[in-house]
Every structure is written in C-alpha cells, then in structure tokens.
C-alpha cells in the first residue's frame, strides 16, 4: 500500500469524488492510473482523505492504494493534467485507510473582507473553538458534533482562516467563515454566534449560508504513522504548475482592477 500527497486547483472540477460525465479530481487520478496500466476503475485498497466540494483546492489531499513499486509521484504526474500534481509518497501498512486513519484535517480559507474588523472576527471565532454541536452550520442532520481549532489573521484586504478538526461535516468551514465575516463587518450582531451554537434550529433568512467554495484550500491531513517523502521532480513540477497559475490569475486581477478604475 502506498499513500500519495496530491495538490490540485479545484476550480476546473466538479469536486473531488468521481462522478459520471463531469470532470473530477478523483476521475483524473483514476484515468491516469488506467493510462499507466496500474488499474482500471477503482484501485485495490483505494481510499482518499476526504471529498472536497466543487471549486475547493488542495495542497495535501491524500490517496492510498495498492500499486507497483515503480509508481512514483513523478510517474503518476506523467498522465495527470497540470492542475493535478502528486508530489510526495509514503509506504503504508496493508490495512491503512486514508479516510479513517487521518488524525486531523486542516483547511485554510482566504476571505476578501477589507471592511471587516479583525478583533471582532477573532472574538467571534473564539466562541466557535472547542467541542460544539454545529447542526446550524451544516446541511447534515446527524453526527454534527465536532472539536474545532480555529485561528484568523489579517493579510492585506483578506481575513485568512485556519481551521483544524479530526473531521468536518459538510460546509462547516464555509459557514463558519460566513458567520464570522458577518459579525466582523457588522452585518450580524456578536450574539448571533451564541444563537447559532444553541440547540434550536436557525433557518431561513436567519440561517448561515456557506461562503463561496473557491477560496477554500485543504492545506494538510495528518497521519502520525506515515513519513511522506517528497519526490524532487514531482514537487518541482507542482511548484511550476501552480506558480504559473498564480501568475495568470494575478495578471487577470490586474486587468479587472484596470477596468474598474476606468469606470
């Protein structure tokens, strides 16, 4: 069994999990394995750390499966699109499961909020730390208790959130971001955090909608028993691919600002 760290730009994909007739990250990985002659369909022993939503990106998504010794991250990249790059691997026990054996997942969200007050954001986020029933911050109906670690910092016009937990219910990160931003900008009173964490359902206009998916990054997944070894060629390929993507989007942002400045 071998585990691979996989980075990807989520915007071209309809989420991580394979789906019929639409591009997904998992579908790209399975297609690459088929083209390499490793497996047709789902590889033996396959599991992934989690299923990111459409538009969500990753630096350390983790997939594990049985494969030949020659399948390095660089070999896998030879058949992957440039927006999906394997960059490290680790040998794992035969019974390793990338989902169930993860000690934690860590997400980072870049929220553009130049009018937000950092102190109010930090205070609101502090109320959400620890173990809570987050039933008002997810569409899930059960198993909604989580123990959350969370921090927020200011980077220019952005609030940058870092959230870590053993696992996340659906949309939890994006709804936490939405709630804290509303308090930090004055669109919601500070007491809304306590209301949302309370036992009563908070729905309709008083509910918390998820923030957009594309600023969300799966930054890390922890496996204490694994030692991931970066593949130098694969890691260089990943840095080049995502560096080029960053430059392209920075240029597009400059053009958009130039348009806005002339209106």
C-alpha atoms as a PDB file:
ATOM      1  CA  UNK A   1       0.000   0.000   0.000  1.00  0.00           C
ATOM      2  CA  UNK A   2       1.311   3.431  -0.913  1.00  0.00           C
ATOM      3  CA  UNK A   3      -0.088   6.834   0.029  1.00  0.00           C
ATOM      4  CA  UNK A   4       0.310   9.870  -2.230  1.00  0.00           C
ATOM      5  CA  UNK A   5       0.054  13.574  -1.433  1.00  0.00           C
ATOM      6  CA  UNK A   6      -1.876  15.283  -4.215  1.00  0.00           C
ATOM      7  CA  UNK A   7      -2.273  19.020  -4.849  1.00  0.00           C
ATOM      8  CA  UNK A   8      -4.893  20.433  -7.189  1.00  0.00           C
ATOM      9  CA  UNK A   9      -6.649  23.553  -8.381  1.00  0.00           C
ATOM     10  CA  UNK A  10     -10.302  22.809  -7.690  1.00  0.00           C
ATOM     11  CA  UNK A  11     -11.881  25.399  -9.972  1.00  0.00           C
ATOM     12  CA  UNK A  12     -11.927  23.282 -13.179  1.00  0.00           C
ATOM     13  CA  UNK A  13     -13.506  20.310 -11.361  1.00  0.00           C
ATOM     14  CA  UNK A  14     -16.941  19.338 -10.080  1.00  0.00           C
ATOM     15  CA  UNK A  15     -15.449  18.317  -6.739  1.00  0.00           C
ATOM     16  CA  UNK A  16     -13.052  15.567  -5.767  1.00  0.00           C
ATOM     17  CA  UNK A  17     -15.266  12.463  -5.866  1.00  0.00           C
ATOM     18  CA  UNK A  18     -15.645  10.715  -9.210  1.00  0.00           C
ATOM     19  CA  UNK A  19     -18.949  11.401 -10.964  1.00  0.00           C
ATOM     20  CA  UNK A  20     -20.292  10.323 -14.350  1.00  0.00           C
ATOM     21  CA  UNK A  21     -20.000  12.767 -17.249  1.00  0.00           C
ATOM     22  CA  UNK A  22     -18.278  15.646 -15.371  1.00  0.00           C
ATOM     23  CA  UNK A  23     -14.576  16.238 -14.613  1.00  0.00           C
ATOM     24  CA  UNK A  24     -13.487  15.488 -11.041  1.00  0.00           C
ATOM     25  CA  UNK A  25     -10.088  15.192  -9.364  1.00  0.00           C
ATOM     26  CA  UNK A  26     -10.623  11.539  -8.457  1.00  0.00           C
ATOM     27  CA  UNK A  27     -11.684  10.854 -12.022  1.00  0.00           C
ATOM     28  CA  UNK A  28      -8.428  12.383 -13.270  1.00  0.00           C
ATOM     29  CA  UNK A  29      -6.422  10.182 -10.874  1.00  0.00           C
ATOM     30  CA  UNK A  30      -8.285   7.034 -11.956  1.00  0.00           C
ATOM     31  CA  UNK A  31      -7.839   7.918 -15.638  1.00  0.00           C
ATOM     32  CA  UNK A  32      -4.100   8.377 -15.073  1.00  0.00           C
ATOM     33  CA  UNK A  33      -3.835   5.007 -13.351  1.00  0.00           C
ATOM     34  CA  UNK A  34      -5.684   3.356 -16.224  1.00  0.00           C
ATOM     35  CA  UNK A  35      -3.412   5.010 -18.795  1.00  0.00           C
ATOM     36  CA  UNK A  36      -0.385   3.773 -16.840  1.00  0.00           C
ATOM     37  CA  UNK A  37      -1.776   0.239 -16.740  1.00  0.00           C
ATOM     38  CA  UNK A  38      -1.987   0.215 -12.931  1.00  0.00           C
ATOM     39  CA  UNK A  39      -5.729  -0.250 -12.513  1.00  0.00           C
ATOM     40  CA  UNK A  40      -8.990   0.003 -14.431  1.00  0.00           C
ATOM     41  CA  UNK A  41     -11.563   1.746 -12.290  1.00  0.00           C
ATOM     42  CA  UNK A  42     -11.029   1.863  -8.525  1.00  0.00           C
ATOM     43  CA  UNK A  43      -7.589   0.515  -7.486  1.00  0.00           C
ATOM     44  CA  UNK A  44      -7.348  -2.225  -4.870  1.00  0.00           C
ATOM     45  CA  UNK A  45      -7.420  -0.862  -1.307  1.00  0.00           C
ATOM     46  CA  UNK A  46      -8.212   2.652  -2.509  1.00  0.00           C
ATOM     47  CA  UNK A  47      -9.328   5.420  -0.137  1.00  0.00           C
ATOM     48  CA  UNK A  48      -8.947   9.207  -0.005  1.00  0.00           C
ATOM     49  CA  UNK A  49      -8.593  11.551   2.962  1.00  0.00           C
ATOM     50  CA  UNK A  50     -11.832  13.355   2.112  1.00  0.00           C
ATOM     51  CA  UNK A  51     -14.181  14.639  -0.545  1.00  0.00           C
ATOM     52  CA  UNK A  52     -13.714  18.310  -1.310  1.00  0.00           C
ATOM     53  CA  UNK A  53     -16.601  20.203  -2.914  1.00  0.00           C
ATOM     54  CA  UNK A  54     -16.650  21.701  -6.386  1.00  0.00           C
ATOM     55  CA  UNK A  55     -14.171  24.574  -6.595  1.00  0.00           C
ATOM     56  CA  UNK A  56     -12.204  23.640  -3.453  1.00  0.00           C
ATOM     57  CA  UNK A  57      -8.444  23.216  -3.919  1.00  0.00           C
ATOM     58  CA  UNK A  58      -5.893  21.126  -2.018  1.00  0.00           C
ATOM     59  CA  UNK A  59      -2.224  21.094  -1.154  1.00  0.00           C
ATOM     60  CA  UNK A  60      -2.221  17.762   0.691  1.00  0.00           C
ATOM     61  CA  UNK A  61      -5.165  15.642  -0.367  1.00  0.00           C
ATOM     62  CA  UNK A  62      -4.101  12.064   0.325  1.00  0.00           C
ATOM     63  CA  UNK A  63      -4.984   8.957  -1.641  1.00  0.00           C
ATOM     64  CA  UNK A  64      -3.719   5.450  -0.917  1.00  0.00           C
ATOM     65  CA  UNK A  65      -3.968   2.198  -2.859  1.00  0.00           C
ATOM     66  CA  UNK A  66      -2.035  -0.900  -3.871  1.00  0.00           C
ATOM     67  CA  UNK A  67       0.361  -0.186  -6.716  1.00  0.00           C
ATOM     68  CA  UNK A  68       3.658  -1.363  -8.261  1.00  0.00           C
ATOM     69  CA  UNK A  69       6.960  -0.123  -6.878  1.00  0.00           C
ATOM     70  CA  UNK A  70       7.696   1.941  -9.980  1.00  0.00           C
ATOM     71  CA  UNK A  71       4.654   4.193  -9.469  1.00  0.00           C
ATOM     72  CA  UNK A  72       6.284   7.320  -8.064  1.00  0.00           C
ATOM     73  CA  UNK A  73       4.596  10.731  -7.841  1.00  0.00           C
ATOM     74  CA  UNK A  74       6.519  11.799 -10.956  1.00  0.00           C
ATOM     75  CA  UNK A  75       5.282   8.725 -12.837  1.00  0.00           C
ATOM     76  CA  UNK A  76       1.707   9.459 -11.793  1.00  0.00           C
ATOM     77  CA  UNK A  77       2.086  13.086 -12.924  1.00  0.00           C
ATOM     78  CA  UNK A  78       3.062  11.937 -16.412  1.00  0.00           C
ATOM     79  CA  UNK A  79      -0.614  11.126 -17.048  1.00  0.00           C
ATOM     80  CA  UNK A  80      -2.297  13.733 -14.834  1.00  0.00           C
ATOM     81  CA  UNK A  81      -3.473  17.158 -16.039  1.00  0.00           C
ATOM     82  CA  UNK A  82      -1.294  20.110 -14.992  1.00  0.00           C
ATOM     83  CA  UNK A  83      -3.960  21.211 -12.491  1.00  0.00           C
ATOM     84  CA  UNK A  84      -3.472  17.961 -10.502  1.00  0.00           C
ATOM     85  CA  UNK A  85       0.019  17.130  -9.198  1.00  0.00           C
ATOM     86  CA  UNK A  86       1.210  14.315  -6.953  1.00  0.00           C
ATOM     87  CA  UNK A  87       4.287  15.498  -5.061  1.00  0.00           C
ATOM     88  CA  UNK A  88       5.137  13.056  -2.218  1.00  0.00           C
ATOM     89  CA  UNK A  89       4.505   9.464  -1.170  1.00  0.00           C
ATOM     90  CA  UNK A  90       4.786   7.160   1.837  1.00  0.00           C
ATOM     91  CA  UNK A  91       4.737   3.421   2.315  1.00  0.00           C
ATOM     92  CA  UNK A  92       1.747   2.344   4.406  1.00  0.00           C
ATOM     93  CA  UNK A  93       0.562  -0.809   6.133  1.00  0.00           C
ATOM     94  CA  UNK A  94      -1.726  -3.163   4.224  1.00  0.00           C
ATOM     95  CA  UNK A  95      -4.698  -2.158   6.373  1.00  0.00           C
ATOM     96  CA  UNK A  96      -4.055   1.597   6.076  1.00  0.00           C
ATOM     97  CA  UNK A  97      -7.163   3.649   5.250  1.00  0.00           C
ATOM     98  CA  UNK A  98      -6.655   7.240   4.103  1.00  0.00           C
ATOM     99  CA  UNK A  99     -10.055   8.329   5.433  1.00  0.00           C
ATOM    100  CA  UNK A 100     -10.302   6.576   8.784  1.00  0.00           C
ATOM    101  CA  UNK A 101      -6.622   6.828   9.789  1.00  0.00           C
ATOM    102  CA  UNK A 102      -6.366  10.603   9.420  1.00  0.00           C
ATOM    103  CA  UNK A 103      -5.697  12.264  12.786  1.00  0.00           C
ATOM    104  CA  UNK A 104      -6.840  15.682  11.569  1.00  0.00           C
ATOM    105  CA  UNK A 105      -7.734  17.767   8.535  1.00  0.00           C
ATOM    106  CA  UNK A 106      -6.679  21.393   8.236  1.00  0.00           C
ATOM    107  CA  UNK A 107      -8.338  23.930   5.941  1.00  0.00           C
ATOM    108  CA  UNK A 108      -7.339  27.480   5.068  1.00  0.00           C
ATOM    109  CA  UNK A 109      -9.855  29.990   3.719  1.00  0.00           C
ATOM    110  CA  UNK A 110      -8.933  33.324   2.126  1.00  0.00           C
ATOM    111  CA  UNK A 111     -11.891  35.653   2.691  1.00  0.00           C
ATOM    112  CA  UNK A 112     -11.770  39.031   0.952  1.00  0.00           C
ATOM    113  CA  UNK A 113     -13.147  41.384   3.593  1.00  0.00           C
ATOM    114  CA  UNK A 114     -11.353  44.759   3.613  1.00  0.00           C
ATOM    115  CA  UNK A 115     -14.122  46.276   5.743  1.00  0.00           C
ATOM    116  CA  UNK A 116     -14.001  43.564   8.425  1.00  0.00           C
ATOM    117  CA  UNK A 117     -12.745  44.263  11.946  1.00  0.00           C
ATOM    118  CA  UNK A 118     -10.081  41.717  12.883  1.00  0.00           C
ATOM    119  CA  UNK A 119     -10.748  41.964  16.630  1.00  0.00           C
ATOM    120  CA  UNK A 120     -14.456  41.249  16.151  1.00  0.00           C
ATOM    121  CA  UNK A 121     -13.591  38.367  13.832  1.00  0.00           C
ATOM    122  CA  UNK A 122     -11.176  36.865  16.365  1.00  0.00           C
ATOM    123  CA  UNK A 123     -13.698  37.203  19.186  1.00  0.00           C
ATOM    124  CA  UNK A 124     -16.460  35.538  17.160  1.00  0.00           C
ATOM    125  CA  UNK A 125     -14.139  32.729  16.096  1.00  0.00           C
ATOM    126  CA  UNK A 126     -13.027  32.141  19.698  1.00  0.00           C
ATOM    127  CA  UNK A 127     -16.642  31.277  20.587  1.00  0.00           C
ATOM    128  CA  UNK A 128     -16.644  28.607  17.884  1.00  0.00           C
ATOM    129  CA  UNK A 129     -13.478  26.892  19.111  1.00  0.00           C
ATOM    130  CA  UNK A 130     -13.729  23.672  21.067  1.00  0.00           C
ATOM    131  CA  UNK A 131     -16.388  20.982  21.021  1.00  0.00           C
ATOM    132  CA  UNK A 132     -19.820  22.083  19.837  1.00  0.00           C
ATOM    133  CA  UNK A 133     -22.853  20.728  18.039  1.00  0.00           C
ATOM    134  CA  UNK A 134     -22.602  22.556  14.713  1.00  0.00           C
ATOM    135  CA  UNK A 135     -26.048  21.497  13.478  1.00  0.00           C
ATOM    136  CA  UNK A 136     -26.818  25.068  12.370  1.00  0.00           C
ATOM    137  CA  UNK A 137     -23.634  25.270  10.291  1.00  0.00           C
ATOM    138  CA  UNK A 138     -24.124  22.250   8.060  1.00  0.00           C
ATOM    139  CA  UNK A 139     -26.824  20.643   5.928  1.00  0.00           C
ATOM    140  CA  UNK A 140     -26.102  17.326   7.687  1.00  0.00           C
ATOM    141  CA  UNK A 141     -28.812  16.069  10.030  1.00  0.00           C
ATOM    142  CA  UNK A 142     -26.747  13.837  12.318  1.00  0.00           C
ATOM    143  CA  UNK A 143     -23.238  13.365  13.727  1.00  0.00           C
ATOM    144  CA  UNK A 144     -22.738  17.144  13.829  1.00  0.00           C
ATOM    145  CA  UNK A 145     -20.601  17.435  16.987  1.00  0.00           C
ATOM    146  CA  UNK A 146     -17.006  18.414  16.264  1.00  0.00           C
ATOM    147  CA  UNK A 147     -13.991  19.647  18.248  1.00  0.00           C
ATOM    148  CA  UNK A 148     -12.734  22.658  16.314  1.00  0.00           C
ATOM    149  CA  UNK A 149      -9.424  24.520  16.429  1.00  0.00           C
ATOM    150  CA  UNK A 150      -9.501  27.849  14.620  1.00  0.00           C
ATOM    151  CA  UNK A 151      -7.415  30.969  14.050  1.00  0.00           C
ATOM    152  CA  UNK A 152      -7.841  34.095  11.912  1.00  0.00           C
ATOM    153  CA  UNK A 153      -5.297  36.672  10.768  1.00  0.00           C
ATOM    154  CA  UNK A 154      -5.274  39.709   8.502  1.00  0.00           C
ATOM    155  CA  UNK A 155      -3.359  39.683   5.207  1.00  0.00           C
ATOM    156  CA  UNK A 156      -3.924  42.947   3.341  1.00  0.00           C
ATOM    157  CA  UNK A 157      -7.633  43.003   2.465  1.00  0.00           C
ATOM    158  CA  UNK A 158      -8.202  39.387   3.460  1.00  0.00           C
ATOM    159  CA  UNK A 159      -9.185  37.537   6.595  1.00  0.00           C
ATOM    160  CA  UNK A 160      -7.276  34.254   6.456  1.00  0.00           C
ATOM    161  CA  UNK A 161      -8.889  31.488   8.498  1.00  0.00           C
ATOM    162  CA  UNK A 162      -7.143  28.266   9.551  1.00  0.00           C
ATOM    163  CA  UNK A 163      -9.476  25.556  10.863  1.00  0.00           C
ATOM    164  CA  UNK A 164      -8.475  22.110  12.086  1.00  0.00           C
ATOM    165  CA  UNK A 165     -10.532  19.149  13.331  1.00  0.00           C
ATOM    166  CA  UNK A 166     -10.495  15.377  13.243  1.00  0.00           C
ATOM    167  CA  UNK A 167     -13.160  15.604  10.551  1.00  0.00           C
ATOM    168  CA  UNK A 168     -15.573  18.159   9.153  1.00  0.00           C
ATOM    169  CA  UNK A 169     -19.283  17.960   8.498  1.00  0.00           C
ATOM    170  CA  UNK A 170     -20.383  19.315   5.137  1.00  0.00           C
ATOM    171  CA  UNK A 171     -19.903  23.054   4.560  1.00  0.00           C
ATOM    172  CA  UNK A 172     -18.743  23.662   8.146  1.00  0.00           C
ATOM    173  CA  UNK A 173     -15.655  25.681   7.201  1.00  0.00           C
ATOM    174  CA  UNK A 174     -17.506  27.798   4.665  1.00  0.00           C
ATOM    175  CA  UNK A 175     -20.387  28.532   7.054  1.00  0.00           C
ATOM    176  CA  UNK A 176     -18.016  29.388   9.907  1.00  0.00           C
ATOM    177  CA  UNK A 177     -16.296  31.847   7.560  1.00  0.00           C
ATOM    178  CA  UNK A 178     -19.639  33.336   6.533  1.00  0.00           C
ATOM    179  CA  UNK A 179     -20.813  33.721  10.138  1.00  0.00           C
ATOM    180  CA  UNK A 180     -17.578  35.285  11.406  1.00  0.00           C
ATOM    181  CA  UNK A 181     -17.364  37.659   8.443  1.00  0.00           C
ATOM    182  CA  UNK A 182     -20.921  38.858   9.084  1.00  0.00           C
ATOM    183  CA  UNK A 183     -20.060  39.635  12.709  1.00  0.00           C
ATOM    184  CA  UNK A 184     -16.736  41.242  11.763  1.00  0.00           C
ATOM    185  CA  UNK A 185     -18.376  43.587   9.238  1.00  0.00           C
ATOM    186  CA  UNK A 186     -21.343  44.461  11.447  1.00  0.00           C
ATOM    187  CA  UNK A 187     -23.864  42.671   9.211  1.00  0.00           C
ATOM    188  CA  UNK A 188     -24.739  40.420  12.159  1.00  0.00           C
ATOM    189  CA  UNK A 189     -24.621  41.103  15.915  1.00  0.00           C
ATOM    190  CA  UNK A 190     -21.993  39.286  18.002  1.00  0.00           C
ATOM    191  CA  UNK A 191     -24.800  37.426  19.780  1.00  0.00           C
ATOM    192  CA  UNK A 192     -25.586  35.542  16.594  1.00  0.00           C
ATOM    193  CA  UNK A 193     -22.697  33.151  17.266  1.00  0.00           C
ATOM    194  CA  UNK A 194     -24.283  32.049  20.543  1.00  0.00           C
ATOM    195  CA  UNK A 195     -27.656  31.682  18.824  1.00  0.00           C
ATOM    196  CA  UNK A 196     -26.202  29.527  16.054  1.00  0.00           C
ATOM    197  CA  UNK A 197     -24.455  27.282  18.590  1.00  0.00           C
ATOM    198  CA  UNK A 198     -27.681  26.873  20.561  1.00  0.00           C
ATOM    199  CA  UNK A 199     -29.980  23.838  20.437  1.00  0.00           C
ATOM    200  CA  UNK A 200     -32.741  25.462  18.380  1.00  0.00           C
ATOM    201  CA  UNK A 201     -32.687  25.355  14.567  1.00  0.00           C
ATOM    202  CA  UNK A 202     -31.673  28.623  12.887  1.00  0.00           C
ATOM    203  CA  UNK A 203     -33.107  28.572   9.375  1.00  0.00           C
ATOM    204  CA  UNK A 204     -34.368  30.764   6.562  1.00  0.00           C
ATOM    205  CA  UNK A 205     -33.151  34.379   6.469  1.00  0.00           C
ATOM    206  CA  UNK A 206     -31.693  33.996   9.972  1.00  0.00           C
ATOM    207  CA  UNK A 207     -29.617  31.000   8.951  1.00  0.00           C
ATOM    208  CA  UNK A 208     -25.980  30.986   7.819  1.00  0.00           C
ATOM    209  CA  UNK A 209     -25.291  30.389   4.133  1.00  0.00           C
ATOM    210  CA  UNK A 210     -21.924  28.949   3.079  1.00  0.00           C
ATOM    211  CA  UNK A 211     -19.211  31.236   1.769  1.00  0.00           C
ATOM    212  CA  UNK A 212     -18.024  30.557  -1.814  1.00  0.00           C
ATOM    213  CA  UNK A 213     -16.036  27.362  -2.339  1.00  0.00           C
ATOM    214  CA  UNK A 214     -13.121  28.530  -4.481  1.00  0.00           C
ATOM    215  CA  UNK A 215     -11.125  30.392  -1.739  1.00  0.00           C
ATOM    216  CA  UNK A 216     -11.012  27.188   0.346  1.00  0.00           C
ATOM    217  CA  UNK A 217      -7.856  25.057   0.499  1.00  0.00           C
ATOM    218  CA  UNK A 218      -7.363  21.623   2.058  1.00  0.00           C
ATOM    219  CA  UNK A 219      -3.954  22.514   3.469  1.00  0.00           C
ATOM    220  CA  UNK A 220      -2.952  19.430   5.466  1.00  0.00           C
ATOM    221  CA  UNK A 221      -4.062  15.969   6.557  1.00  0.00           C
ATOM    222  CA  UNK A 222      -2.248  14.405   9.499  1.00  0.00           C
ATOM    223  CA  UNK A 223      -1.089  10.779   9.621  1.00  0.00           C
ATOM    224  CA  UNK A 224       1.290  10.298  12.575  1.00  0.00           C
ATOM    225  CA  UNK A 225       2.301   6.815  11.420  1.00  0.00           C
ATOM    226  CA  UNK A 226       3.359   7.857   7.897  1.00  0.00           C
ATOM    227  CA  UNK A 227       6.547   9.557   6.734  1.00  0.00           C
ATOM    228  CA  UNK A 228       5.914  11.274   3.415  1.00  0.00           C
ATOM    229  CA  UNK A 229       8.959  11.691   1.203  1.00  0.00           C
ATOM    230  CA  UNK A 230       8.753  14.470  -1.388  1.00  0.00           C
ATOM    231  CA  UNK A 231       9.617  13.446  -4.935  1.00  0.00           C
ATOM    232  CA  UNK A 232      12.008  16.220  -6.077  1.00  0.00           C
ATOM    233  CA  UNK A 233      10.956  16.121  -9.736  1.00  0.00           C
ATOM    234  CA  UNK A 234       7.261  15.912  -8.909  1.00  0.00           C
ATOM    235  CA  UNK A 235       7.451  18.680  -6.316  1.00  0.00           C
ATOM    236  CA  UNK A 236       9.285  20.923  -8.795  1.00  0.00           C
ATOM    237  CA  UNK A 237       6.603  20.186 -11.394  1.00  0.00           C
ATOM    238  CA  UNK A 238       3.896  21.117  -8.886  1.00  0.00           C
ATOM    239  CA  UNK A 239       5.605  24.379  -7.907  1.00  0.00           C
ATOM    240  CA  UNK A 240       5.990  25.308 -11.566  1.00  0.00           C
ATOM    241  CA  UNK A 241       2.363  24.470 -12.417  1.00  0.00           C
ATOM    242  CA  UNK A 242       0.824  26.342  -9.504  1.00  0.00           C
ATOM    243  CA  UNK A 243       3.280  29.219  -9.799  1.00  0.00           C
ATOM    244  CA  UNK A 244       2.215  29.706 -13.418  1.00  0.00           C
ATOM    245  CA  UNK A 245      -1.437  29.514 -12.380  1.00  0.00           C
ATOM    246  CA  UNK A 246      -0.864  32.145  -9.689  1.00  0.00           C
ATOM    247  CA  UNK A 247       0.830  34.478 -12.161  1.00  0.00           C
ATOM    248  CA  UNK A 248      -2.005  34.035 -14.658  1.00  0.00           C
ATOM    249  CA  UNK A 249      -4.659  34.872 -12.082  1.00  0.00           C
ATOM    250  CA  UNK A 250      -2.672  37.796 -10.682  1.00  0.00           C
ATOM    251  CA  UNK A 251      -2.496  39.233 -14.200  1.00  0.00           C
ATOM    252  CA  UNK A 252      -6.242  38.738 -14.671  1.00  0.00           C
ATOM    253  CA  UNK A 253      -6.846  40.540 -11.359  1.00  0.00           C
ATOM    254  CA  UNK A 254      -4.725  43.499 -12.507  1.00  0.00           C
ATOM    255  CA  UNK A 255      -6.727  43.734 -15.737  1.00  0.00           C
ATOM    256  CA  UNK A 256     -10.003  43.634 -13.791  1.00  0.00           C
ATOM    257  CA  UNK A 257      -8.780  46.411 -11.468  1.00  0.00           C
ATOM    258  CA  UNK A 258      -7.752  48.423 -14.519  1.00  0.00           C
ATOM    259  CA  UNK A 259     -11.267  48.142 -15.896  1.00  0.00           C
ATOM    260  CA  UNK A 260     -12.829  49.133 -12.561  1.00  0.00           C
ATOM    261  CA  UNK A 261     -10.507  52.136 -12.209  1.00  0.00           C
ATOM    262  CA  UNK A 262     -11.649  53.480 -15.555  1.00  0.00           C
ATOM    263  CA  UNK A 263     -15.372  53.260 -14.923  1.00  0.00           C
END
